[in-house]
């Protein structure tokens, strides 16, 4: 007897082939039959007019901690994501040295700073009862509603072997050997490979460059070679040029790491903007050179414009503009005094518009910011208004106007920048770039920067745009880009397609309604900490390993997800 039958669905199977109408029967966690189902089943539902697809695969998340207090990985699961890849950007919660309990505190403060996670939620929401990477994976097994695989972070490896000297130090030969052993042990336990960062935007809780930023190429290549010794592994890496354009040295590093491992290396995130037409060919040069050298470098890019807010009162992307960090890091009263100084504002604007600001130049048009939540009588009625309009009414320059509004709220004002790359030319360039063999949709950062951005709903918003909006990609191709393409990059075994015998990770949705609601701030993290959330629209149900996990945007309470381990659940995707 089958567990469940979905009758008369429009099946888009993830292969890119044309949709077809069929019944789909689920049994023992697998897709048991596709066609006309005549077998008895414990339950059935009529899916006439609805679309059935494989579960979506998000290749870049930071759910490493959130899964402990939110096993449903919301809102990703609501939006049809059944498999998440965590442990990215060099940051993981394991391994932790058993003789240094202070390493856990360091890790929590680092994650809070660099990934924008609530420190209270990190302290109260996770058990922190592991040391080895395998123990961390074991702590999640059997208690999550999504499938989850994890890279092991370079920063954690360095801290485990070198202690506090991981920040600022270079490993002695025996320490590098120990780091390689620790990486191998993590992969033996199921880690998907290595993640690392060299990005200048990544600093720890003490304001110092994170540990992996102190690694030299020889260290990175030694670790990459170890990745190539294990089945079903990958590399994920971040460098400063990911935010704008790679240097020659950064391209060489990516190429050499991937070739040394014989494994794909993915990076995050390719920003596509017609106003900077030279960026895409420069960034994809790494992919071209990698293929010539026996490697593969894959760029992740988002198919939507991610809702992201800013604030002059808390750490956000504005802090990453060169020269802004020291000002925005001052105590609030002194920060307000500095921001009200015309000379300081002029210098900040100059820096924000300079070439050194890279991709953050897009944040410098303060007239295009929309005022969000306000907290003072002086700002009553400003929510939802554009700064440019308010500035014209007041006879002020836009940045001056924005500063005064924020100062009235003691810098608590929520700001929503309108994207500068929402023009037809940029969307046309995106559609063209998506066709490149080394470009993959993803880069949501789901689980990180929770009160500042909401990238998790990119799946449903993209599908809604493909069906009823710009229609840059057909439905069959769009589904393939969200399912089979990432599944094949990571070598997921029997996932990513609606195929008999494969795991029953499935999404059923209404094509007339599929979309994501607006990002709204909710307080549902441990310690009542805030995060941005977004409702899934038109998603009828989501199954993970054959078990219904979402019905009409509500979690069912089931936790059918699995910790996916390299080798067992992933196969090698060789570049050679």
Protein backbone atom coordinates (compact mmCIF):
# COMPACT_ATOMS: atom_id res chain seq x y z
CA UNK A 1 0.00 0.00 0.00
CA UNK A 2 1.23 3.46 -0.88
CA UNK A 3 1.49 6.16 1.76
CA UNK A 4 0.06 8.97 -0.35
CA UNK A 5 -1.04 9.63 -3.91
CA UNK A 6 -1.06 13.04 -5.60
CA UNK A 7 -3.57 12.70 -8.43
CA UNK A 8 -3.68 14.59 -11.70
CA UNK A 9 -0.78 16.96 -11.03
CA UNK A 10 1.08 18.88 -13.71
CA UNK A 11 4.49 17.31 -13.16
CA UNK A 12 7.59 19.39 -13.88
CA UNK A 13 10.19 16.77 -13.10
CA UNK A 14 13.38 18.87 -12.86
CA UNK A 15 14.99 17.53 -16.02
CA UNK A 16 14.02 20.56 -18.09
CA UNK A 17 11.69 18.41 -20.23
CA UNK A 18 8.10 19.46 -20.92
CA UNK A 19 5.53 19.21 -18.14
CA UNK A 20 3.06 16.32 -18.18
CA UNK A 21 -0.04 15.30 -16.25
CA UNK A 22 0.28 12.28 -13.97
CA UNK A 23 -0.49 10.73 -10.63
CA UNK A 24 2.49 10.39 -8.30
CA UNK A 25 2.50 7.77 -5.57
CA UNK A 26 4.72 7.98 -2.50
CA UNK A 27 5.81 4.94 -0.49
CA UNK A 28 8.52 4.40 2.15
CA UNK A 29 9.97 7.85 1.57
CA UNK A 30 10.43 7.30 -2.16
CA UNK A 31 8.58 8.14 -5.36
CA UNK A 32 7.01 4.73 -5.94
CA UNK A 33 5.09 5.31 -9.16
CA UNK A 34 4.52 8.02 -11.76
CA UNK A 35 1.62 7.66 -14.18
CA UNK A 36 -1.88 6.36 -13.54
CA UNK A 37 -1.86 5.06 -9.98
CA UNK A 38 -4.33 2.27 -9.27
CA UNK A 39 -2.78 0.96 -6.06
CA UNK A 40 -4.42 1.56 -2.73
CA UNK A 41 -3.04 4.38 -0.60
CA UNK A 42 -3.47 5.58 2.94
CA UNK A 43 -4.34 9.03 1.64
CA UNK A 44 -4.90 10.79 -1.67
CA UNK A 45 -5.41 14.34 -2.88
CA UNK A 46 -6.63 15.91 -6.08
CA UNK A 47 -3.90 18.08 -7.62
CA UNK A 48 -5.75 19.08 -10.78
CA UNK A 49 -4.45 22.46 -11.92
CA UNK A 50 -1.50 22.32 -9.50
CA UNK A 51 2.19 21.90 -10.34
CA UNK A 52 4.33 19.19 -8.72
CA UNK A 53 8.11 19.63 -8.74
CA UNK A 54 11.15 18.24 -6.95
CA UNK A 55 12.06 19.94 -3.69
CA UNK A 56 14.28 22.96 -4.17
CA UNK A 57 17.97 22.87 -3.19
CA UNK A 58 19.48 26.00 -1.63
CA UNK A 59 23.26 25.85 -2.19
CA UNK A 60 24.28 28.62 0.22
CA UNK A 61 22.73 28.92 3.69
CA UNK A 62 23.85 29.48 7.26
CA UNK A 63 21.29 27.35 9.08
CA UNK A 64 24.07 25.73 11.16
CA UNK A 65 22.69 27.14 14.43
CA UNK A 66 19.05 27.92 13.60
CA UNK A 67 18.21 24.26 12.97
CA UNK A 68 18.55 23.61 16.71
CA UNK A 69 15.73 25.98 17.67
CA UNK A 70 13.92 25.88 14.32
CA UNK A 71 14.16 22.38 12.81
CA UNK A 72 11.97 23.54 9.92
CA UNK A 73 14.55 26.03 8.59
CA UNK A 74 11.85 28.62 8.17
CA UNK A 75 11.08 30.32 5.95
CA UNK A 76 13.08 28.21 3.44
CA UNK A 77 10.99 25.06 3.93
CA UNK A 78 7.78 27.06 3.52
CA UNK A 79 9.08 28.19 0.13
CA UNK A 80 9.73 24.64 -1.04
CA UNK A 81 13.39 24.22 -0.08
CA UNK A 82 13.84 20.61 1.02
CA UNK A 83 17.66 20.50 1.04
CA UNK A 84 19.96 23.18 2.45
CA UNK A 85 23.75 23.46 2.24
CA UNK A 86 25.30 24.98 5.37
CA UNK A 87 28.77 25.55 6.76
CA UNK A 88 29.60 28.18 4.15
CA UNK A 89 32.07 31.09 4.07
CA UNK A 90 34.57 29.37 6.35
CA UNK A 91 32.23 29.45 9.37
CA UNK A 92 31.00 26.37 11.23
CA UNK A 93 30.12 25.55 14.82
CA UNK A 94 32.51 22.57 14.86
CA UNK A 95 35.05 21.31 15.53
CA UNK A 96 35.51 22.77 19.04
CA UNK A 97 38.57 21.86 21.08
CA UNK A 98 37.59 19.85 24.20
CA UNK A 99 40.31 21.51 26.29
CA UNK A 100 39.26 25.07 25.44
CA UNK A 101 35.62 25.71 26.39
CA UNK A 102 36.21 29.38 25.61
CA UNK A 103 36.34 28.47 21.90
CA UNK A 104 32.56 28.09 21.89
CA UNK A 105 32.13 31.63 23.19
CA UNK A 106 34.57 32.93 20.58
CA UNK A 107 32.63 31.09 17.85
CA UNK A 108 29.29 32.48 19.01
CA UNK A 109 30.59 36.04 19.07
CA UNK A 110 32.20 35.59 15.65
CA UNK A 111 29.00 34.22 14.13
CA UNK A 112 27.01 37.04 15.67
CA UNK A 113 29.32 39.64 14.15
CA UNK A 114 30.17 38.20 10.77
CA UNK A 115 26.84 36.51 9.94
CA UNK A 116 24.49 38.87 11.78
CA UNK A 117 23.08 36.16 14.05
CA UNK A 118 21.48 37.03 17.37
CA UNK A 119 24.03 36.36 20.11
CA UNK A 120 21.24 35.57 22.57
CA UNK A 121 19.75 33.06 20.13
CA UNK A 122 23.16 31.44 19.63
CA UNK A 123 23.72 31.20 23.38
CA UNK A 124 20.26 29.98 24.32
CA UNK A 125 19.07 28.14 21.22
CA UNK A 126 21.84 25.59 20.58
CA UNK A 127 23.13 22.94 23.02
CA UNK A 128 26.85 23.33 22.24
CA UNK A 129 27.41 19.77 23.45
CA UNK A 130 29.79 18.65 20.70
CA UNK A 131 33.50 18.78 19.98
CA UNK A 132 34.19 16.88 16.76
CA UNK A 133 32.41 17.66 13.50
CA UNK A 134 30.76 14.26 13.52
CA UNK A 135 29.32 14.98 16.97
CA UNK A 136 27.84 18.21 15.62
CA UNK A 137 26.17 16.31 12.77
CA UNK A 138 24.93 13.67 15.20
CA UNK A 139 23.35 16.41 17.35
CA UNK A 140 21.13 17.35 14.38
CA UNK A 141 20.27 13.87 13.16
CA UNK A 142 16.66 12.87 13.70
CA UNK A 143 15.46 16.31 14.74
CA UNK A 144 15.30 18.37 11.53
CA UNK A 145 12.53 18.73 8.95
CA UNK A 146 14.79 19.52 5.99
CA UNK A 147 17.69 17.64 4.50
CA UNK A 148 20.93 19.38 5.44
CA UNK A 149 24.53 18.98 4.37
CA UNK A 150 27.46 20.93 5.75
CA UNK A 151 30.89 22.07 4.65
CA UNK A 152 33.50 22.32 7.42
CA UNK A 153 34.72 25.86 8.03
CA UNK A 154 38.37 26.82 7.69
CA UNK A 155 38.06 29.22 10.63
CA UNK A 156 36.93 26.40 12.92
CA UNK A 157 39.75 24.13 11.72
CA UNK A 158 42.33 26.82 12.36
CA UNK A 159 40.96 27.63 15.83
CA UNK A 160 40.80 23.92 16.71
CA UNK A 161 44.47 23.39 15.87
CA UNK A 162 46.03 26.79 16.65
CA UNK A 163 43.85 28.20 19.41
CA UNK A 164 43.86 32.01 19.71
CA UNK A 165 46.94 32.13 17.44
CA UNK A 166 44.61 31.19 14.57
CA UNK A 167 43.92 34.91 14.26
CA UNK A 168 47.10 36.54 13.03
CA UNK A 169 49.29 33.44 13.05
CA UNK A 170 50.79 31.12 10.47
CA UNK A 171 50.70 27.37 11.16
CA UNK A 172 53.90 25.50 11.82
CA UNK A 173 54.33 22.42 9.58
CA UNK A 174 52.98 20.12 12.29
CA UNK A 175 49.99 22.43 12.80
CA UNK A 176 49.17 22.42 9.11
CA UNK A 177 49.38 18.63 9.14
CA UNK A 178 47.01 18.58 12.13
CA UNK A 179 44.63 20.90 10.28
CA UNK A 180 44.59 18.54 7.31
CA UNK A 181 43.93 15.59 9.64
CA UNK A 182 41.03 17.44 11.26
CA UNK A 183 39.57 18.20 7.85
CA UNK A 184 39.86 14.55 6.86
CA UNK A 185 38.17 13.48 10.10
CA UNK A 186 35.33 15.90 9.43
CA UNK A 187 34.87 14.55 5.90
CA UNK A 188 35.04 10.97 7.20
CA UNK A 189 32.16 11.95 9.48
CA UNK A 190 30.18 13.41 6.58
CA UNK A 191 31.34 16.98 5.95
CA UNK A 192 30.81 17.94 2.31
CA UNK A 193 34.25 19.51 2.00
CA UNK A 194 36.00 22.78 2.86
CA UNK A 195 34.67 26.31 3.05
CA UNK A 196 36.96 29.29 3.51
CA UNK A 197 37.03 33.08 3.34
CA UNK A 198 39.67 35.63 2.44
CA UNK A 199 37.15 38.46 2.28
CA UNK A 200 38.09 41.76 3.88
CA UNK A 201 34.46 42.15 5.00
CA UNK A 202 34.74 39.22 7.45
CA UNK A 203 35.83 40.17 10.98
CA UNK A 204 35.33 38.31 14.26
CA UNK A 205 33.62 39.40 17.46
CA UNK A 206 36.76 41.28 18.50
CA UNK A 207 36.84 43.23 15.24
CA UNK A 208 39.87 41.31 13.95
CA UNK A 209 40.13 39.55 10.58
CA UNK A 210 38.69 36.03 10.94
CA UNK A 211 41.15 33.16 11.20
CA UNK A 212 41.09 31.94 7.59
CA UNK A 213 42.00 35.41 6.30
CA UNK A 214 45.50 34.82 7.69
CA UNK A 215 46.04 31.70 5.57
CA UNK A 216 48.53 31.76 2.74
CA UNK A 217 47.95 29.94 -0.58
CA UNK A 218 50.10 26.96 0.45
CA UNK A 219 47.76 26.27 3.39
CA UNK A 220 44.65 26.57 1.22
CA UNK A 221 46.12 24.23 -1.40
CA UNK A 222 47.09 21.63 1.21
CA UNK A 223 43.51 21.62 2.47
CA UNK A 224 42.14 21.51 -1.08
CA UNK A 225 44.21 18.44 -1.89
CA UNK A 226 42.74 16.72 1.18
CA UNK A 227 39.23 17.49 -0.12
CA UNK A 228 40.08 15.60 -3.30
CA UNK A 229 40.89 12.46 -1.31
CA UNK A 230 37.29 12.00 -0.14
CA UNK A 231 34.18 10.95 -1.99
CA UNK A 232 31.35 13.40 -2.66
CA UNK A 233 33.15 16.58 -1.60
CA UNK A 234 33.32 20.21 -2.71
CA UNK A 235 35.01 23.54 -1.97
CA UNK A 236 33.26 26.82 -1.21
CA UNK A 237 35.36 29.97 -1.00
CA UNK A 238 34.97 33.71 -0.60
CA UNK A 239 37.51 36.40 -1.48
CA UNK A 240 37.30 40.19 -1.46
CA UNK A 241 36.71 40.26 -5.22
CA UNK A 242 33.45 38.32 -4.86
CA UNK A 243 31.81 41.63 -4.01
CA UNK A 244 32.86 43.34 -7.22
CA UNK A 245 35.64 42.06 -9.49
CA UNK A 246 38.37 39.50 -8.91
CA UNK A 247 42.04 40.37 -8.93
CA UNK A 248 44.38 38.22 -10.99
CA UNK A 249 45.70 36.64 -7.79
CA UNK A 250 42.19 35.74 -6.63
CA UNK A 251 41.39 34.08 -9.95
CA UNK A 252 44.64 32.12 -9.76
CA UNK A 253 43.82 31.02 -6.20
CA UNK A 254 40.35 29.73 -7.11
CA UNK A 255 41.70 27.91 -10.16
CA UNK A 256 44.55 26.31 -8.22
CA UNK A 257 42.33 25.23 -5.31
CA UNK A 258 39.76 23.57 -7.57
CA UNK A 259 42.39 21.91 -9.75
CA UNK A 260 44.30 20.66 -6.69
CA UNK A 261 41.15 19.04 -5.33
CA UNK A 262 39.72 17.93 -8.65
CA UNK A 263 36.42 19.18 -7.25
CA UNK A 264 34.05 22.07 -8.05
CA UNK A 265 34.58 25.30 -6.14
CA UNK A 266 31.59 27.61 -5.75
CA UNK A 267 31.63 31.23 -4.66
CA UNK A 268 29.01 33.76 -3.59
CA UNK A 269 27.64 36.00 -4.97
CA UNK A 270 27.75 37.20 -8.60
CA UNK A 271 26.05 40.61 -8.65
CA UNK A 272 24.66 41.42 -12.10
CA UNK A 273 24.15 45.07 -12.95
CA UNK A 274 23.98 46.55 -16.45
CA UNK A 275 25.56 49.73 -15.09
CA UNK A 276 28.76 47.69 -14.54
CA UNK A 277 28.87 45.59 -17.74
CA UNK A 278 32.49 44.56 -17.23
CA UNK A 279 31.78 42.71 -13.97
CA UNK A 280 30.20 39.51 -15.32
CA UNK A 281 32.90 38.67 -17.91
CA UNK A 282 35.61 39.42 -15.36
CA UNK A 283 34.04 37.20 -12.70
CA UNK A 284 33.42 34.34 -15.13
CA UNK A 285 37.03 34.46 -16.29
CA UNK A 286 37.78 32.35 -13.21
CA UNK A 287 35.44 29.66 -14.56
CA UNK A 288 37.04 29.71 -18.01
CA UNK A 289 40.57 29.42 -16.63
CA UNK A 290 39.57 26.70 -14.15
CA UNK A 291 38.23 24.43 -16.90
CA UNK A 292 41.52 24.78 -18.79
CA UNK A 293 43.44 23.82 -15.64
CA UNK A 294 41.35 20.77 -14.74
CA UNK A 295 39.10 22.49 -12.22
CA UNK A 296 35.65 24.05 -12.13
CA UNK A 297 34.67 27.37 -10.54
CA UNK A 298 30.93 28.00 -10.19
CA UNK A 299 29.39 31.40 -9.49
CA UNK A 300 26.22 31.59 -7.41
CA UNK A 301 23.81 34.37 -8.30
CA UNK A 302 20.37 35.36 -7.07
CA UNK A 303 17.43 35.43 -9.50
CA UNK A 304 15.62 38.08 -7.45
CA UNK A 305 16.47 41.37 -5.78
CA UNK A 306 16.71 40.35 -2.15
CA UNK A 307 14.79 42.51 0.32
CA UNK A 308 17.45 44.07 2.55
CA UNK A 309 17.20 46.84 5.10
CA UNK A 310 19.83 49.14 6.57
CA UNK A 311 20.29 51.09 9.76
CA UNK A 312 22.73 53.67 11.05
CA UNK A 313 22.30 52.15 14.50
CA UNK A 314 23.30 48.52 14.00
CA UNK A 315 25.88 46.60 11.99
CA UNK A 316 24.79 46.27 8.35
CA UNK A 317 26.18 46.50 4.81
CA UNK A 318 26.86 50.23 5.26
CA UNK A 319 29.55 49.30 7.80
CA UNK A 320 31.40 47.47 5.04
CA UNK A 321 31.89 50.56 2.88
CA UNK A 322 35.56 51.63 3.24
CA UNK A 323 35.84 54.41 5.80
CA UNK A 324 32.33 53.96 7.20
CA UNK A 325 33.08 51.31 9.82
CA UNK A 326 35.00 53.58 12.24
CA UNK A 327 32.20 56.16 12.22
CA UNK A 328 29.33 53.69 12.49
CA UNK A 329 31.17 51.82 15.23
CA UNK A 330 31.19 54.81 17.59
CA UNK A 331 28.83 55.03 20.59
CA UNK A 332 25.44 56.32 19.45
CA UNK A 333 25.70 59.91 20.83
CA UNK A 334 29.15 60.39 19.30
CA UNK A 335 28.03 58.69 16.09
CA UNK A 336 25.16 61.15 15.75
CA UNK A 337 27.51 64.11 16.29
CA UNK A 338 29.87 62.82 13.62
CA UNK A 339 27.07 62.15 11.14
CA UNK A 340 25.70 65.64 11.62
CA UNK A 341 29.11 67.12 10.72
CA UNK A 342 28.93 68.25 7.03
CA UNK A 343 32.61 67.48 6.48
CA UNK A 344 32.21 63.94 7.84
CA UNK A 345 29.15 63.34 5.67
CA UNK A 346 30.96 64.64 2.60
CA UNK A 347 33.87 62.27 3.22
CA UNK A 348 31.53 59.32 3.80
CA UNK A 349 29.73 60.07 0.54
CA UNK A 350 33.04 60.35 -1.29
CA UNK A 351 34.14 56.97 0.02
CA UNK A 352 30.76 55.38 -0.76
CA UNK A 353 30.95 56.53 -4.38
CA UNK A 354 34.60 55.58 -4.89
CA UNK A 355 35.83 52.57 -6.83
CA UNK A 356 37.10 51.10 -3.55
CA UNK A 357 33.49 50.68 -2.40
CA UNK A 358 32.97 48.05 -5.10
CA UNK A 359 29.47 46.62 -5.14
CA UNK A 360 28.54 48.77 -2.13
CA UNK A 361 28.46 51.82 -4.42
CA UNK A 362 24.88 50.82 -5.08
CA UNK A 363 24.05 51.85 -1.49
CA UNK A 364 25.27 55.43 -1.92
CA UNK A 365 22.12 56.92 -3.50
CA UNK A 366 20.43 57.86 -0.23
CA UNK A 367 17.64 59.70 -1.98
CA UNK A 368 16.31 56.31 -3.11
CA UNK A 369 15.96 54.96 0.43
CA UNK A 370 12.49 54.30 1.78
CA UNK A 371 11.83 54.99 5.46
CA UNK A 372 10.72 51.88 7.35
CA UNK A 373 9.83 51.66 11.04
CA UNK A 374 10.32 54.87 13.04
CA UNK A 375 10.38 55.41 16.80
CA UNK A 376 9.84 59.11 17.56
CA UNK A 377 7.07 61.66 17.32
CA UNK A 378 9.30 63.80 15.10
CA UNK A 379 9.22 61.04 12.47
CA UNK A 380 5.49 60.38 12.59
CA UNK A 381 4.07 59.78 9.13
CA UNK A 382 7.41 59.14 7.43
CA UNK A 383 7.14 55.36 7.21
CA UNK A 384 6.89 54.30 3.57
CA UNK A 385 8.10 57.63 2.19
CA UNK A 386 11.12 58.11 -0.10
CA UNK A 387 14.00 60.16 1.33
CA UNK A 388 14.38 62.20 -1.88
CA UNK A 389 10.83 63.52 -1.54
CA UNK A 390 11.25 64.37 2.15
CA UNK A 391 14.59 66.09 1.44
CA UNK A 392 13.06 68.26 -1.29
CA UNK A 393 10.28 69.34 1.09
CA UNK A 394 12.84 70.25 3.73
CA UNK A 395 15.38 71.85 1.40
CA UNK A 396 18.07 69.36 2.43
CA UNK A 397 20.56 67.17 0.66
CA UNK A 398 19.26 63.53 0.81
CA UNK A 399 22.01 62.11 3.06
CA UNK A 400 21.66 65.06 5.45
CA UNK A 401 17.91 64.49 5.53
CA UNK A 402 18.33 60.77 6.18
CA UNK A 403 20.77 61.43 9.03
CA UNK A 404 18.35 63.84 10.72
CA UNK A 405 15.49 61.35 10.47
CA UNK A 406 17.66 58.62 11.98
CA UNK A 407 19.01 60.93 14.68
CA UNK A 408 15.43 61.67 15.80
CA UNK A 409 15.08 57.93 16.47
CA UNK A 410 18.51 57.67 18.13
CA UNK A 411 19.56 55.80 14.96
CA UNK A 412 16.94 53.04 15.33
CA UNK A 413 15.17 53.99 12.07
CA UNK A 414 14.79 51.12 9.60
CA UNK A 415 15.87 52.05 6.06
CA UNK A 416 14.99 50.18 2.86
CA UNK A 417 17.23 51.08 -0.11
CA UNK A 418 15.49 50.81 -3.47
CA UNK A 419 17.66 48.65 -5.75
CA UNK A 420 19.55 50.50 -8.44
CA UNK A 421 19.70 47.48 -10.75
CA UNK A 422 15.98 46.89 -11.25
CA UNK A 423 16.09 48.08 -14.86
CA UNK A 424 15.25 46.10 -18.03
CA UNK A 425 18.89 46.02 -19.14
CA UNK A 426 20.00 44.42 -15.86
CA UNK A 427 17.25 41.79 -16.04
CA UNK A 428 18.18 41.00 -19.64
CA UNK A 429 21.81 40.58 -18.57
CA UNK A 430 20.71 38.27 -15.75
CA UNK A 431 18.71 36.07 -18.12
CA UNK A 432 21.75 35.83 -20.41
CA UNK A 433 24.16 35.08 -17.56
CA UNK A 434 21.95 32.34 -16.09
CA UNK A 435 22.56 30.28 -19.22
CA UNK A 436 26.30 30.01 -18.53
CA UNK A 437 27.38 26.46 -17.63
CA UNK A 438 29.20 27.68 -14.51
CA UNK A 439 26.47 29.93 -13.11
CA UNK A 440 24.07 28.49 -10.53
CA UNK A 441 21.06 30.08 -8.86
CA UNK A 442 21.47 30.52 -5.12
CA UNK A 443 23.22 32.61 -2.52
CA UNK A 444 20.28 33.27 -0.20
CA UNK A 445 22.40 33.42 2.99
CA UNK A 446 19.28 32.04 4.71
CA UNK A 447 19.88 31.71 8.45
CA UNK A 448 22.23 34.72 8.53
CA UNK A 449 21.70 38.48 8.73
CA UNK A 450 18.23 37.63 9.98
CA UNK A 451 17.05 41.13 10.88
CA UNK A 452 18.59 42.75 7.78
CA UNK A 453 17.81 40.58 4.75
CA UNK A 454 15.40 37.90 3.61
CA UNK A 455 16.85 35.83 0.80
CA UNK A 456 15.19 32.50 1.67
CA UNK A 457 12.05 33.08 -0.47
CA UNK A 458 13.99 33.44 -3.73
CA UNK A 459 12.53 30.16 -4.98
CA UNK A 460 8.84 31.10 -4.94
CA UNK A 461 9.45 34.71 -5.95
CA UNK A 462 11.51 33.56 -8.95
CA UNK A 463 8.84 31.06 -10.04
CA UNK A 464 6.13 33.69 -9.71
CA UNK A 465 8.19 36.04 -11.87
CA UNK A 466 8.74 33.31 -14.46
CA UNK A 467 5.04 32.45 -14.63
CA UNK A 468 3.37 35.84 -14.33
CA UNK A 469 6.05 38.55 -14.32
CA UNK A 470 9.04 39.12 -16.60
CA UNK A 471 8.89 35.51 -17.87
CA UNK A 472 12.64 35.49 -18.51
CA UNK A 473 12.76 31.69 -18.19
CA UNK A 474 10.13 29.04 -18.91
CA UNK A 475 8.69 27.03 -16.01
CA UNK A 476 10.46 23.78 -16.88
CA UNK A 477 13.85 25.47 -17.08
CA UNK A 478 13.22 27.53 -13.93
CA UNK A 479 12.41 24.40 -11.94
CA UNK A 480 15.54 22.67 -13.26
CA UNK A 481 17.62 25.66 -12.14
CA UNK A 482 16.23 25.33 -8.60
CA UNK A 483 16.37 21.54 -8.31
CA UNK A 484 18.41 19.35 -10.61
CA UNK A 485 21.16 21.87 -11.35
CA UNK A 486 22.24 22.33 -7.69
CA UNK A 487 21.63 18.64 -6.96
CA UNK A 488 23.99 17.63 -9.75
CA UNK A 489 26.65 20.18 -8.74
CA UNK A 490 26.77 18.74 -5.23
CA UNK A 491 26.39 15.14 -6.38
CA UNK A 492 23.21 14.51 -4.40
CA UNK A 493 22.23 10.88 -4.74
CA UNK A 494 18.69 10.33 -6.07
CA UNK A 495 17.48 13.85 -5.35
CA UNK A 496 16.61 16.77 -7.59
CA UNK A 497 14.09 15.09 -9.92
CA UNK A 498 10.63 13.57 -9.83
CA UNK A 499 11.73 10.06 -10.81
CA UNK A 500 10.56 6.62 -9.73
CA UNK A 501 12.75 5.23 -6.97
CA UNK A 502 14.19 8.61 -5.99
CA UNK A 503 13.65 10.29 -2.63
CA UNK A 504 10.23 11.90 -2.37
CA UNK A 505 11.27 15.52 -1.84
CA UNK A 506 8.36 17.30 -3.52
CA UNK A 507 6.63 20.67 -3.80
CA UNK A 508 3.00 21.12 -4.86
CA UNK A 509 1.96 24.65 -5.79
CA UNK A 510 -0.67 26.73 -7.52
CA UNK A 511 0.91 28.32 -10.63
CA UNK A 512 -1.61 31.17 -10.49
CA UNK A 513 -0.50 32.18 -6.99
CA UNK A 514 3.08 31.00 -6.40
CA UNK A 515 5.06 33.91 -4.93
CA UNK A 516 6.59 35.28 -1.75
CA UNK A 517 4.93 37.80 0.52
CA UNK A 518 6.66 41.00 1.64
CA UNK A 519 9.45 40.76 4.21
CA UNK A 520 8.15 41.57 7.69
CA UNK A 521 9.96 41.77 11.01
CA UNK A 522 8.93 39.17 13.60
CA UNK A 523 10.26 38.42 17.08
CA UNK A 524 10.35 34.63 17.31
CA UNK A 525 14.01 33.79 17.92
CA UNK A 526 15.29 32.66 21.32
CA UNK A 527 15.47 35.68 23.59
CA UNK A 528 12.69 37.35 21.57
CA UNK A 529 15.30 38.46 19.01
CA UNK A 530 13.98 39.78 15.67
CA UNK A 531 14.25 38.41 12.16
CA UNK A 532 12.73 39.08 8.76
CA UNK A 533 10.16 36.57 7.56
CA UNK A 534 8.12 36.14 4.38
CA UNK A 535 4.99 34.09 3.77
CA UNK A 536 4.92 31.53 0.97
CA UNK A 537 2.00 32.17 -1.36
CA UNK A 538 0.42 29.41 -3.40
CA UNK A 539 2.44 26.53 -1.92
CA UNK A 540 -0.07 23.76 -1.20
CA UNK A 541 2.32 21.25 0.36
CA UNK A 542 5.97 20.25 0.75
CA UNK A 543 7.14 16.68 1.32
CA UNK A 544 10.57 15.75 2.65
CA UNK A 545 11.56 12.11 2.25
CA UNK A 546 7.93 11.28 1.59
CA UNK A 547 6.55 12.93 4.71
CA UNK A 548 4.39 16.04 4.56
CA UNK A 549 6.32 18.83 6.29
CA UNK A 550 4.37 21.90 5.09
CA UNK A 551 0.67 22.26 4.32
CA UNK A 552 -0.69 25.66 3.25
CA UNK A 553 2.36 27.54 4.63
CA UNK A 554 2.14 25.87 8.05
CA UNK A 555 4.60 23.33 9.44
CA UNK A 556 3.04 19.96 10.22
CA UNK A 557 5.31 19.17 13.16
CA UNK A 558 7.00 16.26 11.38
CA UNK A 559 10.80 16.15 11.26
CA UNK A 560 11.57 13.83 8.33
CA UNK A 561 14.77 15.58 7.24
CA UNK A 562 18.14 13.88 7.16
CA UNK A 563 21.67 15.00 7.76
CA UNK A 564 23.22 14.31 4.35
CA UNK A 565 26.78 13.01 4.65
CA UNK A 566 29.43 13.08 1.96
CA UNK A 567 30.06 9.78 0.25
CA UNK A 568 26.90 8.18 1.57
CA UNK A 569 24.45 10.81 0.33
CA UNK A 570 26.68 12.58 -2.20
CA UNK A 571 28.77 11.19 -5.02
CA UNK A 572 31.95 12.69 -6.40
CA UNK A 573 31.58 15.34 -9.06
CA UNK A 574 35.05 15.24 -10.53
CA UNK A 575 36.52 18.06 -12.59
CA UNK A 576 39.12 15.82 -14.21
